PDB file of all heavy atoms in Angstrom:
ATOM      1  N   LYS A   1    -228.371  11.285  81.025  1.00  0.00           N
ATOM      2  CA  LYS A   1    -228.386  12.431  81.929  1.00  0.00           C
ATOM      3  C   LYS A   1    -227.110  13.256  81.790  1.00  0.00           C
ATOM      4  O   LYS A   1    -227.131  14.487  81.887  1.00  0.00           O
ATOM      5  CB  LYS A   1    -228.584  11.959  83.369  1.00  0.00           C
ATOM      6  CG  LYS A   1    -229.975  11.375  83.620  1.00  0.00           C
ATOM      7  CD  LYS A   1    -230.169  10.922  85.048  1.00  0.00           C
ATOM      8  CE  LYS A   1    -231.561  10.351  85.247  1.00  0.00           C
ATOM      9  NZ  LYS A   1    -232.623  11.369  85.149  1.00  0.00           N
ATOM     10  N   GLN A   2    -225.982  12.584  81.575  1.00  0.00           N
ATOM     11  CA  GLN A   2    -224.719  13.297  81.332  1.00  0.00           C
ATOM     12  C   GLN A   2    -224.871  14.238  80.144  1.00  0.00           C
ATOM     13  O   GLN A   2    -224.479  15.412  80.200  1.00  0.00           O
ATOM     14  CB  GLN A   2    -223.587  12.295  81.045  1.00  0.00           C
ATOM     15  CG  GLN A   2    -223.241  11.331  82.158  1.00  0.00           C
ATOM     16  CD  GLN A   2    -222.393  11.958  83.259  1.00  0.00           C
ATOM     17  OE1 GLN A   2    -221.862  13.059  83.125  1.00  0.00           O
ATOM     18  NE2 GLN A   2    -222.289  11.249  84.375  1.00  0.00           N
ATOM     19  N   ALA A   3    -225.475  13.720  79.067  1.00  0.00           N
ATOM     20  CA  ALA A   3    -225.624  14.510  77.843  1.00  0.00           C
ATOM     21  C   ALA A   3    -226.540  15.717  78.069  1.00  0.00           C
ATOM     22  O   ALA A   3    -226.249  16.823  77.600  1.00  0.00           O
ATOM     23  CB  ALA A   3    -226.175  13.627  76.724  1.00  0.00           C
ATOM     24  N   SER A   4    -227.643  15.496  78.806  1.00  0.00           N
ATOM     25  CA  SER A   4    -228.594  16.592  79.056  1.00  0.00           C
ATOM     26  C   SER A   4    -227.962  17.693  79.905  1.00  0.00           C
ATOM     27  O   SER A   4    -228.104  18.886  79.609  1.00  0.00           O
ATOM     28  CB  SER A   4    -229.838  16.056  79.759  1.00  0.00           C
ATOM     29  OG  SER A   4    -230.518  15.135  78.951  1.00  0.00           O
ATOM     30  N   LEU A   5    -227.255  17.299  80.956  1.00  0.00           N
ATOM     31  CA  LEU A   5    -226.623  18.285  81.835  1.00  0.00           C
ATOM     32  C   LEU A   5    -225.513  19.040  81.101  1.00  0.00           C
ATOM     33  O   LEU A   5    -225.363  20.251  81.263  1.00  0.00           O
ATOM     34  CB  LEU A   5    -226.060  17.595  83.076  1.00  0.00           C
ATOM     35  CG  LEU A   5    -227.101  16.992  84.038  1.00  0.00           C
ATOM     36  CD1 LEU A   5    -226.422  16.159  85.114  1.00  0.00           C
ATOM     37  CD2 LEU A   5    -227.943  18.092  84.683  1.00  0.00           C
ATOM     38  N   ALA A   6    -224.746  18.309  80.273  1.00  0.00           N
ATOM     39  CA  ALA A   6    -223.669  18.950  79.506  1.00  0.00           C
ATOM     40  C   ALA A   6    -224.246  19.935  78.498  1.00  0.00           C
ATOM     41  O   ALA A   6    -223.713  21.041  78.308  1.00  0.00           O
ATOM     42  CB  ALA A   6    -222.827  17.887  78.802  1.00  0.00           C
ATOM     43  N   ALA A   7    -225.349  19.548  77.862  1.00  0.00           N
ATOM     44  CA  ALA A   7    -225.983  20.429  76.870  1.00  0.00           C
ATOM     45  C   ALA A   7    -226.476  21.716  77.515  1.00  0.00           C
ATOM     46  O   ALA A   7    -226.470  22.782  76.890  1.00  0.00           O
ATOM     47  CB  ALA A   7    -227.140  19.700  76.195  1.00  0.00           C
ATOM     48  N   ASN A   8    -226.888  21.632  78.782  1.00  0.00           N
ATOM     49  CA  ASN A   8    -227.361  22.813  79.512  1.00  0.00           C
ATOM     50  C   ASN A   8    -226.236  23.539  80.245  1.00  0.00           C
ATOM     51  O   ASN A   8    -226.498  24.491  80.990  1.00  0.00           O
ATOM     52  CB  ASN A   8    -228.445  22.399  80.514  1.00  0.00           C
ATOM     53  CG  ASN A   8    -229.731  21.987  79.840  1.00  0.00           C
ATOM     54  OD1 ASN A   8    -230.071  22.476  78.769  1.00  0.00           O
ATOM     55  ND2 ASN A   8    -230.458  21.069  80.450  1.00  0.00           N
ATOM     56  N   LYS A   9    -225.010  23.039  80.063  1.00  0.00           N
ATOM     57  CA  LYS A   9    -223.810  23.651  80.667  1.00  0.00           C
ATOM     58  C   LYS A   9    -223.963  23.801  82.181  1.00  0.00           C
ATOM     59  O   LYS A   9    -223.682  24.854  82.757  1.00  0.00           O
ATOM     60  CB  LYS A   9    -223.517  25.002  80.017  1.00  0.00           C
ATOM     61  CG  LYS A   9    -223.227  24.895  78.523  1.00  0.00           C
ATOM     62  CD  LYS A   9    -222.951  26.250  77.892  1.00  0.00           C
ATOM     63  CE  LYS A   9    -222.667  26.100  76.398  1.00  0.00           C
ATOM     64  NZ  LYS A   9    -222.442  27.410  75.744  1.00  0.00           N
ATOM     65  N   VAL A  10    -224.431  22.737  82.805  1.00  0.00           N
ATOM     66  CA  VAL A  10    -224.664  22.747  84.256  1.00  0.00           C
ATOM     67  C   VAL A  10    -223.331  22.630  84.986  1.00  0.00           C
ATOM     68  O   VAL A  10    -222.521  21.746  84.691  1.00  0.00           O
ATOM     69  CB  VAL A  10    -225.604  21.588  84.669  1.00  0.00           C
ATOM     70  CG1 VAL A  10    -225.736  21.524  86.187  1.00  0.00           C
ATOM     71  CG2 VAL A  10    -226.971  21.769  84.022  1.00  0.00           C
ATOM     72  N   GLU A  11    -223.110  23.519  85.939  1.00  0.00           N
ATOM     73  CA  GLU A  11    -221.882  23.504  86.732  1.00  0.00           C
ATOM     74  C   GLU A  11    -222.114  22.721  88.026  1.00  0.00           C
ATOM     75  O   GLU A  11    -223.257  22.599  88.491  1.00  0.00           O
ATOM     76  CB  GLU A  11    -221.468  24.944  87.075  1.00  0.00           C
ATOM     77  CG  GLU A  11    -221.094  25.789  85.867  1.00  0.00           C
ATOM     78  CD  GLU A  11    -219.831  25.286  85.171  1.00  0.00           C
ATOM     79  OE1 GLU A  11    -218.947  24.742  85.877  1.00  0.00           O
ATOM     80  OE2 GLU A  11    -219.749  25.415  83.930  1.00  0.00           O
ATOM     81  N   PRO A  12    -221.041  22.185  88.634  1.00  0.00           N
ATOM     82  CA  PRO A  12    -221.176  21.554  89.957  1.00  0.00           C
ATOM     83  C   PRO A  12    -221.831  22.532  90.937  1.00  0.00           C
ATOM     84  O   PRO A  12    -221.506  23.724  90.931  1.00  0.00           O
ATOM     85  CB  PRO A  12    -219.732  21.238  90.339  1.00  0.00           C
ATOM     86  CG  PRO A  12    -219.021  21.078  89.031  1.00  0.00           C
ATOM     87  CD  PRO A  12    -219.655  22.083  88.111  1.00  0.00           C
ATOM     88  N   GLN A  13    -222.738  22.037  91.763  1.00  0.00           N
ATOM     89  CA  GLN A  13    -223.485  22.928  92.646  1.00  0.00           C
ATOM     90  C   GLN A  13    -224.237  22.122  93.695  1.00  0.00           C
ATOM     91  O   GLN A  13    -224.349  20.901  93.617  1.00  0.00           O
ATOM     92  CB  GLN A  13    -224.496  23.745  91.827  1.00  0.00           C
ATOM     93  CG  GLN A  13    -225.480  22.876  91.055  1.00  0.00           C
ATOM     94  CD  GLN A  13    -226.385  23.679  90.141  1.00  0.00           C
ATOM     95  OE1 GLN A  13    -227.382  24.244  90.589  1.00  0.00           O
ATOM     96  NE2 GLN A  13    -226.023  23.750  88.850  1.00  0.00           N
ATOM     97  N   ASP A  14    -224.799  22.848  94.685  1.00  0.00           N
ATOM     98  CA  ASP A  14    -225.709  22.230  95.641  1.00  0.00           C
ATOM     99  C   ASP A  14    -227.012  21.918  94.924  1.00  0.00           C
ATOM    100  O   ASP A  14    -227.523  22.757  94.166  1.00  0.00           O
ATOM    101  CB  ASP A  14    -225.986  23.177  96.813  1.00  0.00           C
ATOM    102  CG  ASP A  14    -224.767  23.353  97.706  1.00  0.00           C
ATOM    103  OD1 ASP A  14    -223.899  22.461  97.697  1.00  0.00           O
ATOM    104  OD2 ASP A  14    -224.695  24.375  98.411  1.00  0.00           O
ATOM    105  N   ILE A  15    -227.546  20.735  95.157  1.00  0.00           N
ATOM    106  CA  ILE A  15    -228.764  20.311  94.461  1.00  0.00           C
ATOM    107  C   ILE A  15    -229.730  19.638  95.437  1.00  0.00           C
ATOM    108  O   ILE A  15    -229.383  19.336  96.579  1.00  0.00           O
ATOM    109  CB  ILE A  15    -228.458  19.311  93.327  1.00  0.00           C
ATOM    110  CG1 ILE A  15    -227.792  18.041  93.903  1.00  0.00           C
ATOM    111  CG2 ILE A  15    -227.650  19.936  92.219  1.00  0.00           C
ATOM    112  CD1 ILE A  15    -227.829  16.850  92.968  1.00  0.00           C
ATOM    113  N   VAL A  16    -230.953  19.417  94.952  1.00  0.00           N
ATOM    114  CA  VAL A  16    -231.883  18.494  95.593  1.00  0.00           C
ATOM    115  C   VAL A  16    -231.913  17.248  94.709  1.00  0.00           C
ATOM    116  O   VAL A  16    -232.254  17.331  93.522  1.00  0.00           O
ATOM    117  CB  VAL A  16    -233.289  19.097  95.731  1.00  0.00           C
ATOM    118  CG1 VAL A  16    -234.242  18.066  96.342  1.00  0.00           C
ATOM    119  CG2 VAL A  16    -233.255  20.352  96.582  1.00  0.00           C
ATOM    120  N   LEU A  17    -231.510  16.142  95.266  1.00  0.00           N
ATOM    121  CA  LEU A  17    -231.499  14.869  94.552  1.00  0.00           C
ATOM    122  C   LEU A  17    -232.823  14.149  94.802  1.00  0.00           C
ATOM    123  O   LEU A  17    -233.273  14.048  95.946  1.00  0.00           O
ATOM    124  CB  LEU A  17    -230.332  14.006  95.044  1.00  0.00           C
ATOM    125  CG  LEU A  17    -230.325  12.534  94.640  1.00  0.00           C
ATOM    126  CD1 LEU A  17    -230.087  12.387  93.140  1.00  0.00           C
ATOM    127  CD2 LEU A  17    -229.261  11.765  95.430  1.00  0.00           C
ATOM    128  N   GLY A  18    -233.446  13.665  93.748  1.00  0.00           N
ATOM    129  CA  GLY A  18    -234.696  12.924  93.884  1.00  0.00           C
ATOM    130  C   GLY A  18    -234.532  11.490  93.408  1.00  0.00           C
ATOM    131  O   GLY A  18    -234.003  11.259  92.320  1.00  0.00           O
ATOM    132  N   VAL A  19    -234.999  10.538  94.227  1.00  0.00           N
ATOM    133  CA  VAL A  19    -234.987   9.117  93.841  1.00  0.00           C
ATOM    134  C   VAL A  19    -236.307   8.497  94.303  1.00  0.00           C
ATOM    135  O   VAL A  19    -236.673   8.621  95.474  1.00  0.00           O
ATOM    136  CB  VAL A  19    -233.811   8.340  94.469  1.00  0.00           C
ATOM    137  CG1 VAL A  19    -233.789   6.904  93.934  1.00  0.00           C
ATOM    138  CG2 VAL A  19    -232.479   9.028  94.203  1.00  0.00           C
ATOM    139  N   ARG A  20    -237.010   7.852  93.398  1.00  0.00           N
ATOM    140  CA  ARG A  20    -238.288   7.240  93.747  1.00  0.00           C
ATOM    141  C   ARG A  20    -238.054   6.010  94.631  1.00  0.00           C
ATOM    142  O   ARG A  20    -237.072   5.274  94.447  1.00  0.00           O
ATOM    143  CB  ARG A  20    -239.066   6.849  92.498  1.00  0.00           C
ATOM    144  CG  ARG A  20    -239.446   8.047  91.644  1.00  0.00           C
ATOM    145  CD  ARG A  20    -240.533   7.724  90.634  1.00  0.00           C
ATOM    146  NE  ARG A  20    -240.843   8.906  89.828  1.00  0.00           N
ATOM    147  CZ  ARG A  20    -241.652   9.888  90.203  1.00  0.00           C
ATOM    148  NH1 ARG A  20    -242.241   9.820  91.385  1.00  0.00           N
ATOM    149  NH2 ARG A  20    -241.875  10.923  89.420  1.00  0.00           N
ATOM    150  N   PRO A  21    -238.965   5.756  95.600  1.00  0.00           N
ATOM    151  CA  PRO A  21    -238.799   4.617  96.518  1.00  0.00           C
ATOM    152  C   PRO A  21    -238.613   3.284  95.806  1.00  0.00           C
ATOM    153  O   PRO A  21    -237.839   2.435  96.254  1.00  0.00           O
ATOM    154  CB  PRO A  21    -240.100   4.634  97.331  1.00  0.00           C
ATOM    155  CG  PRO A  21    -240.514   6.070  97.322  1.00  0.00           C
ATOM    156  CD  PRO A  21    -240.134   6.588  95.964  1.00  0.00           C
ATOM    157  N   GLU A  22    -239.315   3.099  94.673  1.00  0.00           N
ATOM    158  CA  GLU A  22    -239.218   1.830  93.956  1.00  0.00           C
ATOM    159  C   GLU A  22    -237.914   1.687  93.185  1.00  0.00           C
ATOM    160  O   GLU A  22    -237.590   0.600  92.692  1.00  0.00           O
ATOM    161  CB  GLU A  22    -240.416   1.640  93.011  1.00  0.00           C
ATOM    162  CG  GLU A  22    -240.611   2.730  91.989  1.00  0.00           C
ATOM    163  CD  GLU A  22    -241.535   3.841  92.460  1.00  0.00           C
ATOM    164  OE1 GLU A  22    -241.483   4.207  93.659  1.00  0.00           O
ATOM    165  OE2 GLU A  22    -242.304   4.356  91.626  1.00  0.00           O
ATOM    166  N   HIS A  23    -237.149   2.773  93.068  1.00  0.00           N
ATOM    167  CA  HIS A  23    -235.874   2.728  92.346  1.00  0.00           C
ATOM    168  C   HIS A  23    -234.670   2.583  93.280  1.00  0.00           C
ATOM    169  O   HIS A  23    -233.530   2.518  92.813  1.00  0.00           O
ATOM    170  CB  HIS A  23    -235.702   3.995  91.495  1.00  0.00           C
ATOM    171  CG  HIS A  23    -236.683   4.077  90.364  1.00  0.00           C
ATOM    172  ND1 HIS A  23    -237.058   5.273  89.770  1.00  0.00           N
ATOM    173  CD2 HIS A  23    -237.380   3.104  89.724  1.00  0.00           C
ATOM    174  CE1 HIS A  23    -237.933   5.039  88.813  1.00  0.00           C
ATOM    175  NE2 HIS A  23    -238.137   3.729  88.757  1.00  0.00           N
ATOM    176  N   ILE A  24    -234.928   2.564  94.586  1.00  0.00           N
ATOM    177  CA  ILE A  24    -233.833   2.392  95.547  1.00  0.00           C
ATOM    178  C   ILE A  24    -233.520   0.901  95.702  1.00  0.00           C
ATOM    179  O   ILE A  24    -234.428   0.063  95.738  1.00  0.00           O
ATOM    180  CB  ILE A  24    -234.204   3.023  96.909  1.00  0.00           C
ATOM    181  CG1 ILE A  24    -234.218   4.553  96.768  1.00  0.00           C
ATOM    182  CG2 ILE A  24    -233.246   2.597  98.001  1.00  0.00           C
ATOM    183  CD1 ILE A  24    -234.531   5.293  98.039  1.00  0.00           C
ATOM    184  N   LEU A  25    -232.222   0.586  95.755  1.00  0.00           N
ATOM    185  CA  LEU A  25    -231.760  -0.804  95.843  1.00  0.00           C
ATOM    186  C   LEU A  25    -231.085  -1.046  97.185  1.00  0.00           C
ATOM    187  O   LEU A  25    -230.341  -0.191  97.677  1.00  0.00           O
ATOM    188  CB  LEU A  25    -230.755  -1.090  94.718  1.00  0.00           C
ATOM    189  CG  LEU A  25    -231.201  -0.747  93.286  1.00  0.00           C
ATOM    190  CD1 LEU A  25    -230.012  -0.882  92.333  1.00  0.00           C
ATOM    191  CD2 LEU A  25    -232.339  -1.655  92.850  1.00  0.00           C
ATOM    192  N   LEU A  26    -231.340  -2.184  97.775  1.00  0.00           N
ATOM    193  CA  LEU A  26    -230.613  -2.566  98.985  1.00  0.00           C
ATOM    194  C   LEU A  26    -229.237  -3.088  98.587  1.00  0.00           C
ATOM    195  O   LEU A  26    -229.094  -3.842  97.624  1.00  0.00           O
ATOM    196  CB  LEU A  26    -231.388  -3.635  99.755  1.00  0.00           C
ATOM    197  CG  LEU A  26    -232.762  -3.207 100.297  1.00  0.00           C
ATOM    198  CD1 LEU A  26    -233.389  -4.336 101.104  1.00  0.00           C
ATOM    199  CD2 LEU A  26    -232.654  -1.950 101.150  1.00  0.00           C
ATOM    200  N   SER A  27    -228.215  -2.662  99.332  1.00  0.00           N
ATOM    201  CA  SER A  27    -226.837  -3.032  98.991  1.00  0.00           C
ATOM    202  C   SER A  27    -225.984  -3.045 100.254  1.00  0.00           C
ATOM    203  O   SER A  27    -226.118  -2.160 101.110  1.00  0.00           O
ATOM    204  CB  SER A  27    -226.260  -2.024  97.983  1.00  0.00           C
ATOM    205  OG  SER A  27    -224.873  -2.197  97.825  1.00  0.00           O
ATOM    206  N   ASP A  28    -225.099  -4.033 100.358  1.00  0.00           N
ATOM    207  CA  ASP A  28    -224.219  -4.137 101.520  1.00  0.00           C
ATOM    208  C   ASP A  28    -223.292  -2.931 101.640  1.00  0.00           C
ATOM    209  O   ASP A  28    -222.812  -2.603 102.727  1.00  0.00           O
ATOM    210  CB  ASP A  28    -223.378  -5.414 101.443  1.00  0.00           C
ATOM    211  CG  ASP A  28    -224.239  -6.667 101.592  1.00  0.00           C
ATOM    212  OD1 ASP A  28    -225.347  -6.535 102.146  1.00  0.00           O
ATOM    213  OD2 ASP A  28    -223.818  -7.744 101.134  1.00  0.00           O
TER     214      ASP A  28
END
């Protein structure tokens, strides 16, 4: 993902972050 964003010259910005329910981990 670092490589893809760098290739598209993406700047820091407000975003919508997406994470699938099955990819979320429980953590202390």
